Amino acid sequence: MHKPEVRKLVWGEGLNEDFPVSTYHYDFVLATDVVYHHGALDPLLATMVYFCKPGTVLLWANKFRFSTDYEFLEKVCNIFNTTILAEFPDSNVKLLKATVRKN
């Protein structure tokens, strides 16, 4: 059992310095409604890729509002194996499970 720790995280910035791969491994990465500033989607995706190593499960809940949200989802699906765990069509919300694709 590990003690929970809260740290500042800026998408795509200082990841290796602040969260060295040799020190940190995550079983789960939880992300909820993180697709909102469309200029930051590439750093967000880079951050997801950085933290999600083989064996990590990304659980991502998001309200899909714009075409760019779906474009981001397509990028995620190209990098990760994804499964829709729940879908709420009335509110355009999806809950996805993603794992790193094996080469």
PDB file of N, CA and C in Angstrom:
ATOM      1  N   MET A   1       0.852  -1.173   0.000  1.00  0.00           N
ATOM      2  CA  MET A   1       0.000   0.000   0.000  1.00  0.00           C
ATOM      3  C   MET A   1       0.896   1.233   0.000  1.00  0.00           C
ATOM      4  N   HIS A   2       0.558   2.162  -0.865  1.00  0.00           N
ATOM      5  CA  HIS A   2       1.313   3.408  -0.965  1.00  0.00           C
ATOM      6  C   HIS A   2       0.478   4.564  -0.445  1.00  0.00           C
ATOM      7  N   LYS A   3       1.147   5.493   0.193  1.00  0.00           N
ATOM      8  CA  LYS A   3       0.477   6.687   0.688  1.00  0.00           C
ATOM      9  C   LYS A   3       0.135   7.588  -0.498  1.00  0.00           C
ATOM     10  N   PRO A   4      -1.113   8.043  -0.602  1.00  0.00           N
ATOM     11  CA  PRO A   4      -1.478   8.943  -1.701  1.00  0.00           C
ATOM     12  C   PRO A   4      -0.663  10.238  -1.628  1.00  0.00           C
ATOM     13  N   GLU A   5      -0.404  10.785  -2.789  1.00  0.00           N
ATOM     14  CA  GLU A   5       0.380  12.010  -2.876  1.00  0.00           C
ATOM     15  C   GLU A   5      -0.268  12.928  -3.905  1.00  0.00           C
ATOM     16  N   VAL A   6      -0.368  14.191  -3.582  1.00  0.00           N
ATOM     17  CA  VAL A   6      -0.939  15.174  -4.495  1.00  0.00           C
ATOM     18  C   VAL A   6       0.190  16.081  -4.963  1.00  0.00           C
ATOM     19  N   ARG A   7       0.281  16.268  -6.276  1.00  0.00           N
ATOM     20  CA  ARG A   7       1.342  17.094  -6.849  1.00  0.00           C
ATOM     21  C   ARG A   7       0.758  17.940  -7.974  1.00  0.00           C
ATOM     22  N   LYS A   8       1.380  19.087  -8.195  1.00  0.00           N
ATOM     23  CA  LYS A   8       1.010  19.947  -9.316  1.00  0.00           C
ATOM     24  C   LYS A   8       1.413  19.261 -10.619  1.00  0.00           C
ATOM     25  N   LEU A   9       0.551  19.342 -11.612  1.00  0.00           N
ATOM     26  CA  LEU A   9       0.834  18.756 -12.917  1.00  0.00           C
ATOM     27  C   LEU A   9       0.384  19.734 -13.997  1.00  0.00           C
ATOM     28  N   VAL A  10       1.329  20.154 -14.818  1.00  0.00           N
ATOM     29  CA  VAL A  10       1.020  20.970 -15.991  1.00  0.00           C
ATOM     30  C   VAL A  10       1.209  20.058 -17.193  1.00  0.00           C
ATOM     31  N   TRP A  11       0.158  19.883 -17.989  1.00  0.00           N
ATOM     32  CA  TRP A  11       0.207  18.935 -19.098  1.00  0.00           C
ATOM     33  C   TRP A  11       1.419  19.181 -19.982  1.00  0.00           C
ATOM     34  N   GLY A  12       2.199  18.123 -20.159  1.00  0.00           N
ATOM     35  CA  GLY A  12       3.323  18.155 -21.080  1.00  0.00           C
ATOM     36  C   GLY A  12       4.561  18.873 -20.570  1.00  0.00           C
ATOM     37  N   GLU A  13       4.532  19.416 -19.362  1.00  0.00           N
ATOM     38  CA  GLU A  13       5.670  20.188 -18.860  1.00  0.00           C
ATOM     39  C   GLU A  13       6.339  19.494 -17.678  1.00  0.00           C
ATOM     40  N   GLY A  14       7.658  19.365 -17.749  1.00  0.00           N
ATOM     41  CA  GLY A  14       8.453  18.862 -16.636  1.00  0.00           C
ATOM     42  C   GLY A  14       8.100  17.467 -16.170  1.00  0.00           C
ATOM     43  N   LEU A  15       7.554  16.655 -17.049  1.00  0.00           N
ATOM     44  CA  LEU A  15       7.084  15.334 -16.625  1.00  0.00           C
ATOM     45  C   LEU A  15       8.220  14.471 -16.096  1.00  0.00           C
ATOM     46  N   ASN A  16       9.298  14.364 -16.850  1.00  0.00           N
ATOM     47  CA  ASN A  16      10.397  13.499 -16.426  1.00  0.00           C
ATOM     48  C   ASN A  16      11.098  14.047 -15.185  1.00  0.00           C
ATOM     49  N   GLU A  17      11.159  15.358 -15.050  1.00  0.00           N
ATOM     50  CA  GLU A  17      11.795  15.952 -13.877  1.00  0.00           C
ATOM     51  C   GLU A  17      10.934  15.765 -12.624  1.00  0.00           C
ATOM     52  N   ASP A  18       9.642  16.001 -12.750  1.00  0.00           N
ATOM     53  CA  ASP A  18       8.744  15.954 -11.596  1.00  0.00           C
ATOM     54  C   ASP A  18       8.205  14.557 -11.293  1.00  0.00           C
ATOM     55  N   PHE A  19       8.143  13.710 -12.310  1.00  0.00           N
ATOM     56  CA  PHE A  19       7.597  12.357 -12.159  1.00  0.00           C
ATOM     57  C   PHE A  19       8.501  11.362 -12.887  1.00  0.00           C
ATOM     58  N   PRO A  20       9.733  11.143 -12.390  1.00  0.00           N
ATOM     59  CA  PRO A  20      10.669  10.271 -13.108  1.00  0.00           C
ATOM     60  C   PRO A  20      10.128   8.848 -13.256  1.00  0.00           C
ATOM     61  N   VAL A  21      10.291   8.309 -14.445  1.00  0.00           N
ATOM     62  CA  VAL A  21       9.798   6.963 -14.753  1.00  0.00           C
ATOM     63  C   VAL A  21      10.409   5.933 -13.805  1.00  0.00           C
ATOM     64  N   SER A  22      11.648   6.148 -13.398  1.00  0.00           N
ATOM     65  CA  SER A  22      12.315   5.190 -12.513  1.00  0.00           C
ATOM     66  C   SER A  22      11.685   5.155 -11.119  1.00  0.00           C
ATOM     67  N   THR A  23      10.974   6.211 -10.738  1.00  0.00           N
ATOM     68  CA  THR A  23      10.392   6.310  -9.400  1.00  0.00           C
ATOM     69  C   THR A  23       8.899   6.016  -9.386  1.00  0.00           C
ATOM     70  N   TYR A  24       8.209   6.435 -10.423  1.00  0.00           N
ATOM     71  CA  TYR A  24       6.750   6.380 -10.420  1.00  0.00           C
ATOM     72  C   TYR A  24       6.221   5.359 -11.420  1.00  0.00           C
ATOM     73  N   HIS A  25       5.255   4.555 -10.960  1.00  0.00           N
ATOM     74  CA  HIS A  25       4.482   3.671 -11.838  1.00  0.00           C
ATOM     75  C   HIS A  25       3.035   3.763 -11.363  1.00  0.00           C
ATOM     76  N   TYR A  26       2.137   3.861 -12.299  1.00  0.00           N
ATOM     77  CA  TYR A  26       0.730   4.036 -11.956  1.00  0.00           C
ATOM     78  C   TYR A  26      -0.081   2.845 -12.445  1.00  0.00           C
ATOM     79  N   ASP A  27      -0.872   2.274 -11.532  1.00  0.00           N
ATOM     80  CA  ASP A  27      -1.793   1.207 -11.914  1.00  0.00           C
ATOM     81  C   ASP A  27      -3.001   1.802 -12.634  1.00  0.00           C
ATOM     82  N   PHE A  28      -3.440   2.954 -12.147  1.00  0.00           N
ATOM     83  CA  PHE A  28      -4.592   3.635 -12.731  1.00  0.00           C
ATOM     84  C   PHE A  28      -4.285   5.118 -12.898  1.00  0.00           C
ATOM     85  N   VAL A  29      -4.768   5.680 -13.986  1.00  0.00           N
ATOM     86  CA  VAL A  29      -4.766   7.118 -14.198  1.00  0.00           C
ATOM     87  C   VAL A  29      -6.223   7.504 -14.411  1.00  0.00           C
ATOM     88  N   LEU A  30      -6.714   8.420 -13.598  1.00  0.00           N
ATOM     89  CA  LEU A  30      -8.102   8.860 -13.691  1.00  0.00           C
ATOM     90  C   LEU A  30      -8.137  10.252 -14.296  1.00  0.00           C
ATOM     91  N   ALA A  31      -8.955  10.431 -15.302  1.00  0.00           N
ATOM     92  CA  ALA A  31      -9.089  11.734 -15.959  1.00  0.00           C
ATOM     93  C   ALA A  31     -10.573  11.988 -16.176  1.00  0.00           C
ATOM     94  N   THR A  32     -11.035  13.127 -15.740  1.00  0.00           N
ATOM     95  CA  THR A  32     -12.437  13.444 -15.920  1.00  0.00           C
ATOM     96  C   THR A  32     -12.599  14.867 -16.442  1.00  0.00           C
ATOM     97  N   ASP A  33     -13.308  14.992 -17.536  1.00  0.00           N
ATOM     98  CA  ASP A  33     -13.605  16.269 -18.185  1.00  0.00           C
ATOM     99  C   ASP A  33     -12.348  17.119 -18.368  1.00  0.00           C
ATOM    100  N   VAL A  34     -11.296  16.497 -18.913  1.00  0.00           N
ATOM    101  CA  VAL A  34     -10.011  17.182 -19.106  1.00  0.00           C
ATOM    102  C   VAL A  34      -9.874  17.802 -20.491  1.00  0.00           C
ATOM    103  N   VAL A  35     -10.807  17.532 -21.380  1.00  0.00           N
ATOM    104  CA  VAL A  35     -10.742  18.083 -22.737  1.00  0.00           C
ATOM    105  C   VAL A  35     -11.599  19.346 -22.765  1.00  0.00           C
ATOM    106  N   TYR A  36     -10.966  20.470 -22.439  1.00  0.00           N
ATOM    107  CA  TYR A  36     -11.720  21.724 -22.427  1.00  0.00           C
ATOM    108  C   TYR A  36     -10.952  22.867 -23.063  1.00  0.00           C
ATOM    109  N   HIS A  37      -9.639  22.890 -22.971  1.00  0.00           N
ATOM    110  CA  HIS A  37      -8.838  23.947 -23.597  1.00  0.00           C
ATOM    111  C   HIS A  37      -8.195  23.330 -24.830  1.00  0.00           C
ATOM    112  N   HIS A  38      -8.774  23.573 -25.978  1.00  0.00           N
ATOM    113  CA  HIS A  38      -8.387  22.830 -27.173  1.00  0.00           C
ATOM    114  C   HIS A  38      -6.971  23.115 -27.640  1.00  0.00           C
ATOM    115  N   GLY A  39      -6.372  24.200 -27.210  1.00  0.00           N
ATOM    116  CA  GLY A  39      -4.976  24.466 -27.517  1.00  0.00           C
ATOM    117  C   GLY A  39      -4.019  23.601 -26.720  1.00  0.00           C
ATOM    118  N   ALA A  40      -4.531  22.932 -25.690  1.00  0.00           N
ATOM    119  CA  ALA A  40      -3.686  22.108 -24.820  1.00  0.00           C
ATOM    120  C   ALA A  40      -3.875  20.613 -25.049  1.00  0.00           C
ATOM    121  N   LEU A  41      -4.545  20.226 -26.119  1.00  0.00           N
ATOM    122  CA  LEU A  41      -4.832  18.802 -26.315  1.00  0.00           C
ATOM    123  C   LEU A  41      -3.587  17.983 -26.634  1.00  0.00           C
ATOM    124  N   ASP A  42      -2.661  18.525 -27.410  1.00  0.00           N
ATOM    125  CA  ASP A  42      -1.432  17.770 -27.690  1.00  0.00           C
ATOM    126  C   ASP A  42      -0.620  17.549 -26.414  1.00  0.00           C
ATOM    127  N   PRO A  43      -0.422  18.578 -25.562  1.00  0.00           N
ATOM    128  CA  PRO A  43       0.265  18.319 -24.294  1.00  0.00           C
ATOM    129  C   PRO A  43      -0.511  17.353 -23.392  1.00  0.00           C
ATOM    130  N   LEU A  44      -1.845  17.404 -23.427  1.00  0.00           N
ATOM    131  CA  LEU A  44      -2.642  16.458 -22.645  1.00  0.00           C
ATOM    132  C   LEU A  44      -2.385  15.036 -23.119  1.00  0.00           C
ATOM    133  N   LEU A  45      -2.402  14.818 -24.422  1.00  0.00           N
ATOM    134  CA  LEU A  45      -2.156  13.479 -24.956  1.00  0.00           C
ATOM    135  C   LEU A  45      -0.745  13.013 -24.604  1.00  0.00           C
ATOM    136  N   ALA A  46       0.233  13.895 -24.713  1.00  0.00           N
ATOM    137  CA  ALA A  46       1.611  13.540 -24.347  1.00  0.00           C
ATOM    138  C   ALA A  46       1.690  13.150 -22.872  1.00  0.00           C
ATOM    139  N   THR A  47       0.931  13.822 -22.029  1.00  0.00           N
ATOM    140  CA  THR A  47       0.910  13.510 -20.597  1.00  0.00           C
ATOM    141  C   THR A  47       0.261  12.156 -20.353  1.00  0.00           C
ATOM    142  N   MET A  48      -0.838  11.874 -21.042  1.00  0.00           N
ATOM    143  CA  MET A  48      -1.480  10.562 -20.917  1.00  0.00           C
ATOM    144  C   MET A  48      -0.513   9.453 -21.320  1.00  0.00           C
ATOM    145  N   VAL A  49       0.171   9.648 -22.431  1.00  0.00           N
ATOM    146  CA  VAL A  49       1.127   8.644 -22.917  1.00  0.00           C
ATOM    147  C   VAL A  49       2.260   8.476 -21.911  1.00  0.00           C
ATOM    148  N   TYR A  50       2.743   9.568 -21.347  1.00  0.00           N
ATOM    149  CA  TYR A  50       3.853   9.507 -20.396  1.00  0.00           C
ATOM    150  C   TYR A  50       3.482   8.678 -19.167  1.00  0.00           C
ATOM    151  N   PHE A  51       2.302   8.905 -18.608  1.00  0.00           N
ATOM    152  CA  PHE A  51       1.912   8.228 -17.377  1.00  0.00           C
ATOM    153  C   PHE A  51       1.390   6.813 -17.596  1.00  0.00           C
ATOM    154  N   CYS A  52       0.907   6.502 -18.768  1.00  0.00           N
ATOM    155  CA  CYS A  52       0.301   5.191 -19.031  1.00  0.00           C
ATOM    156  C   CYS A  52       1.321   4.266 -19.673  1.00  0.00           C
ATOM    157  N   LYS A  53       1.903   3.426 -18.863  1.00  0.00           N
ATOM    158  CA  LYS A  53       2.868   2.426 -19.320  1.00  0.00           C
ATOM    159  C   LYS A  53       2.145   1.081 -19.395  1.00  0.00           C
ATOM    160  N   PRO A  54       2.789   0.054 -19.955  1.00  0.00           N
ATOM    161  CA  PRO A  54       2.144  -1.264 -19.948  1.00  0.00           C
ATOM    162  C   PRO A  54       1.714  -1.641 -18.524  1.00  0.00           C
ATOM    163  N   GLY A  55       0.474  -2.056 -18.393  1.00  0.00           N
ATOM    164  CA  GLY A  55      -0.075  -2.406 -17.090  1.00  0.00           C
ATOM    165  C   GLY A  55      -0.888  -1.293 -16.452  1.00  0.00           C
ATOM    166  N   THR A  56      -0.809  -0.082 -16.992  1.00  0.00           N
ATOM    167  CA  THR A  56      -1.587   1.045 -16.470  1.00  0.00           C
ATOM    168  C   THR A  56      -2.941   1.086 -17.171  1.00  0.00           C
ATOM    169  N   VAL A  57      -3.984   1.344 -16.408  1.00  0.00           N
ATOM    170  CA  VAL A  57      -5.327   1.517 -16.958  1.00  0.00           C
ATOM    171  C   VAL A  57      -5.701   2.993 -16.837  1.00  0.00           C
ATOM    172  N   LEU A  58      -6.049   3.594 -17.958  1.00  0.00           N
ATOM    173  CA  LEU A  58      -6.547   4.968 -17.987  1.00  0.00           C
ATOM    174  C   LEU A  58      -8.068   4.904 -17.988  1.00  0.00           C
ATOM    175  N   LEU A  59      -8.683   5.520 -17.002  1.00  0.00           N
ATOM    176  CA  LEU A  59     -10.139   5.666 -16.966  1.00  0.00           C
ATOM    177  C   LEU A  59     -10.430   7.135 -17.232  1.00  0.00           C
ATOM    178  N   TRP A  60     -11.131   7.389 -18.330  1.00  0.00           N
ATOM    179  CA  TRP A  60     -11.341   8.759 -18.792  1.00  0.00           C
ATOM    180  C   TRP A  60     -12.826   8.995 -19.017  1.00  0.00           C
ATOM    181  N   ALA A  61     -13.378   9.956 -18.281  1.00  0.00           N
ATOM    182  CA  ALA A  61     -14.772  10.365 -18.462  1.00  0.00           C
ATOM    183  C   ALA A  61     -14.770  11.760 -19.067  1.00  0.00           C
ATOM    184  N   ASN A  62     -15.590  11.946 -20.084  1.00  0.00           N
ATOM    185  CA  ASN A  62     -15.579  13.244 -20.753  1.00  0.00           C
ATOM    186  C   ASN A  62     -16.923  13.547 -21.396  1.00  0.00           C
ATOM    187  N   LYS A  63     -17.295  14.811 -21.338  1.00  0.00           N
ATOM    188  CA  LYS A  63     -18.467  15.291 -22.077  1.00  0.00           C
ATOM    189  C   LYS A  63     -17.957  15.788 -23.422  1.00  0.00           C
ATOM    190  N   PHE A  64     -18.461  15.216 -24.486  1.00  0.00           N
ATOM    191  CA  PHE A  64     -18.021  15.557 -25.835  1.00  0.00           C
ATOM    192  C   PHE A  64     -18.927  16.652 -26.382  1.00  0.00           C
ATOM    193  N   ARG A  65     -18.336  17.848 -26.563  1.00  0.00           N
ATOM    194  CA  ARG A  65     -19.104  19.022 -26.944  1.00  0.00           C
ATOM    195  C   ARG A  65     -18.842  19.472 -28.373  1.00  0.00           C
ATOM    196  N   PHE A  66     -17.598  19.333 -28.818  1.00  0.00           N
ATOM    197  CA  PHE A  66     -17.175  19.915 -30.095  1.00  0.00           C
ATOM    198  C   PHE A  66     -16.522  18.858 -30.974  1.00  0.00           C
ATOM    199  N   SER A  67     -16.395  19.158 -32.253  1.00  0.00           N
ATOM    200  CA  SER A  67     -15.741  18.215 -33.171  1.00  0.00           C
ATOM    201  C   SER A  67     -14.300  17.958 -32.750  1.00  0.00           C
ATOM    202  N   THR A  68     -13.636  18.951 -32.162  1.00  0.00           N
ATOM    203  CA  THR A  68     -12.251  18.746 -31.712  1.00  0.00           C
ATOM    204  C   THR A  68     -12.173  17.731 -30.577  1.00  0.00           C
ATOM    205  N   ASP A  69     -13.237  17.592 -29.790  1.00  0.00           N
ATOM    206  CA  ASP A  69     -13.268  16.564 -28.747  1.00  0.00           C
ATOM    207  C   ASP A  69     -13.210  15.177 -29.380  1.00  0.00           C
ATOM    208  N   TYR A  70     -13.964  15.002 -30.457  1.00  0.00           N
ATOM    209  CA  TYR A  70     -13.974  13.709 -31.148  1.00  0.00           C
ATOM    210  C   TYR A  70     -12.667  13.466 -31.896  1.00  0.00           C
ATOM    211  N   GLU A  71     -12.052  14.522 -32.397  1.00  0.00           N
ATOM    212  CA  GLU A  71     -10.738  14.381 -33.036  1.00  0.00           C
ATOM    213  C   GLU A  71      -9.703  13.937 -32.008  1.00  0.00           C
ATOM    214  N   PHE A  72      -9.782  14.485 -30.801  1.00  0.00           N
ATOM    215  CA  PHE A  72      -8.879  14.071 -29.731  1.00  0.00           C
ATOM    216  C   PHE A  72      -9.132  12.608 -29.375  1.00  0.00           C
ATOM    217  N   LEU A  73     -10.394  12.213 -29.283  1.00  0.00           N
ATOM    218  CA  LEU A  73     -10.731  10.815 -29.005  1.00  0.00           C
ATOM    219  C   LEU A  73     -10.121   9.901 -30.063  1.00  0.00           C
ATOM    220  N   GLU A  74     -10.167  10.305 -31.315  1.00  0.00           N
ATOM    221  CA  GLU A  74      -9.576   9.502 -32.394  1.00  0.00           C
ATOM    222  C   GLU A  74      -8.069   9.339 -32.183  1.00  0.00           C
ATOM    223  N   LYS A  75      -7.397  10.400 -31.773  1.00  0.00           N
ATOM    224  CA  LYS A  75      -5.958  10.310 -31.488  1.00  0.00           C
ATOM    225  C   LYS A  75      -5.691   9.351 -30.336  1.00  0.00           C
ATOM    226  N   VAL A  76      -6.519   9.438 -29.301  1.00  0.00           N
ATOM    227  CA  VAL A  76      -6.379   8.527 -28.159  1.00  0.00           C
ATOM    228  C   VAL A  76      -6.546   7.084 -28.626  1.00  0.00           C
ATOM    229  N   CYS A  77      -7.547   6.835 -29.455  1.00  0.00           N
ATOM    230  CA  CYS A  77      -7.810   5.474 -29.946  1.00  0.00           C
ATOM    231  C   CYS A  77      -6.692   4.953 -30.843  1.00  0.00           C
ATOM    232  N   ASN A  78      -5.943   5.841 -31.483  1.00  0.00           N
ATOM    233  CA  ASN A  78      -4.814   5.416 -32.309  1.00  0.00           C
ATOM    234  C   ASN A  78      -3.614   4.998 -31.473  1.00  0.00           C
ATOM    235  N   ILE A  79      -3.538   5.474 -30.242  1.00  0.00           N
ATOM    236  CA  ILE A  79      -2.398   5.177 -29.373  1.00  0.00           C
ATOM    237  C   ILE A  79      -2.731   4.092 -28.357  1.00  0.00           C
ATOM    238  N   PHE A  80      -3.962   4.087 -27.875  1.00  0.00           N
ATOM    239  CA  PHE A  80      -4.383   3.176 -26.815  1.00  0.00           C
ATOM    240  C   PHE A  80      -5.423   2.187 -27.335  1.00  0.00           C
ATOM    241  N   ASN A  81      -5.493   1.030 -26.686  1.00  0.00           N
ATOM    242  CA  ASN A  81      -6.642   0.141 -26.852  1.00  0.00           C
ATOM    243  C   ASN A  81      -7.746   0.747 -25.994  1.00  0.00           C
ATOM    244  N   THR A  82      -8.875   1.032 -26.592  1.00  0.00           N
ATOM    245  CA  THR A  82      -9.942   1.700 -25.847  1.00  0.00           C
ATOM    246  C   THR A  82     -11.228   0.889 -25.862  1.00  0.00           C
ATOM    247  N   THR A  83     -11.941   0.992 -24.764  1.00  0.00           N
ATOM    248  CA  THR A  83     -13.247   0.368 -24.611  1.00  0.00           C
ATOM    249  C   THR A  83     -14.177   1.392 -23.988  1.00  0.00           C
ATOM    250  N   ILE A  84     -15.360   1.535 -24.540  1.00  0.00           N
ATOM    251  CA  ILE A  84     -16.361   2.404 -23.917  1.00  0.00           C
ATOM    252  C   ILE A  84     -17.030   1.598 -22.810  1.00  0.00           C
ATOM    253  N   LEU A  85     -16.874   2.058 -21.570  1.00  0.00           N
ATOM    254  CA  LEU A  85     -17.468   1.372 -20.424  1.00  0.00           C
ATOM    255  C   LEU A  85     -18.901   1.825 -20.183  1.00  0.00           C
ATOM    256  N   ALA A  86     -19.174   3.082 -20.476  1.00  0.00           N
ATOM    257  CA  ALA A  86     -20.525   3.623 -20.293  1.00  0.00           C
ATOM    258  C   ALA A  86     -20.688   4.801 -21.239  1.00  0.00           C
ATOM    259  N   GLU A  87     -21.924   4.990 -21.674  1.00  0.00           N
ATOM    260  CA  GLU A  87     -22.224   6.082 -22.588  1.00  0.00           C
ATOM    261  C   GLU A  87     -23.569   6.673 -22.193  1.00  0.00           C
ATOM    262  N   PHE A  88     -23.617   7.990 -22.131  1.00  0.00           N
ATOM    263  CA  PHE A  88     -24.826   8.695 -21.744  1.00  0.00           C
ATOM    264  C   PHE A  88     -25.186   9.659 -22.872  1.00  0.00           C
ATOM    265  N   PRO A  89     -25.913   9.178 -23.886  1.00  0.00           N
ATOM    266  CA  PRO A  89     -26.178   9.967 -25.093  1.00  0.00           C
ATOM    267  C   PRO A  89     -26.894  11.292 -24.838  1.00  0.00           C
ATOM    268  N   ASP A  90     -27.777  11.337 -23.856  1.00  0.00           N
ATOM    269  CA  ASP A  90     -28.513  12.580 -23.598  1.00  0.00           C
ATOM    270  C   ASP A  90     -27.589  13.728 -23.208  1.00  0.00           C
ATOM    271  N   SER A  91     -26.460  13.385 -22.586  1.00  0.00           N
ATOM    272  CA  SER A  91     -25.525  14.428 -22.149  1.00  0.00           C
ATOM    273  C   SER A  91     -24.190  14.365 -22.888  1.00  0.00           C
ATOM    274  N   ASN A  92     -24.078  13.478 -23.882  1.00  0.00           N
ATOM    275  CA  ASN A  92     -22.839  13.327 -24.668  1.00  0.00           C
ATOM    276  C   ASN A  92     -21.632  12.978 -23.811  1.00  0.00           C
ATOM    277  N   VAL A  93     -21.840  12.212 -22.751  1.00  0.00           N
ATOM    278  CA  VAL A  93     -20.759  11.805 -21.857  1.00  0.00           C
ATOM    279  C   VAL A  93     -20.402  10.355 -22.143  1.00  0.00           C
ATOM    280  N   LYS A  94     -19.092  10.100 -22.173  1.00  0.00           N
ATOM    281  CA  LYS A  94     -18.587   8.742 -22.346  1.00  0.00           C
ATOM    282  C   LYS A  94     -17.589   8.458 -21.238  1.00  0.00           C
ATOM    283  N   LEU A  95     -17.570   7.222 -20.764  1.00  0.00           N
ATOM    284  CA  LEU A  95     -16.544   6.729 -19.852  1.00  0.00           C
ATOM    285  C   LEU A  95     -15.763   5.676 -20.614  1.00  0.00           C
ATOM    286  N   LEU A  96     -14.464   5.909 -20.753  1.00  0.00           N
ATOM    287  CA  LEU A  96     -13.617   5.006 -21.526  1.00  0.00           C
ATOM    288  C   LEU A  96     -12.529   4.392 -20.661  1.00  0.00           C
ATOM    289  N   LYS A  97     -12.161   3.192 -21.014  1.00  0.00           N
ATOM    290  CA  LYS A  97     -11.012   2.508 -20.428  1.00  0.00           C
ATOM    291  C   LYS A  97      -9.980   2.407 -21.541  1.00  0.00           C
ATOM    292  N   ALA A  98      -8.740   2.762 -21.228  1.00  0.00           N
ATOM    293  CA  ALA A  98      -7.685   2.725 -22.240  1.00  0.00           C
ATOM    294  C   ALA A  98      -6.430   2.097 -21.654  1.00  0.00           C
ATOM    295  N   THR A  99      -5.764   1.295 -22.478  1.00  0.00           N
ATOM    296  CA  THR A  99      -4.473   0.713 -22.113  1.00  0.00           C
ATOM    297  C   THR A  99      -3.527   0.892 -23.290  1.00  0.00           C
ATOM    298  N   VAL A 100      -2.243   0.914 -22.981  1.00  0.00           N
ATOM    299  CA  VAL A 100      -1.228   1.117 -24.011  1.00  0.00           C
ATOM    300  C   VAL A 100      -1.259  -0.047 -24.992  1.00  0.00           C
ATOM    301  N   ARG A 101      -1.207   0.269 -26.269  1.00  0.00           N
ATOM    302  CA  ARG A 101      -1.116  -0.774 -27.300  1.00  0.00           C
ATOM    303  C   ARG A 101       0.246  -1.442 -27.223  1.00  0.00           C
ATOM    304  N   LYS A 102       0.261  -2.745 -27.364  1.00  0.00           N
ATOM    305  CA  LYS A 102       1.530  -3.472 -27.406  1.00  0.00           C
ATOM    306  C   LYS A 102       2.032  -3.470 -28.836  1.00  0.00           C
ATOM    307  N   ASN A 103       3.307  -3.202 -28.997  1.00  0.00           N
ATOM    308  CA  ASN A 103       3.902  -3.167 -30.354  1.00  0.00           C
ATOM    309  C   ASN A 103       4.069  -4.547 -30.917  1.00  0.00           C
TER     310      ASN A 103
END
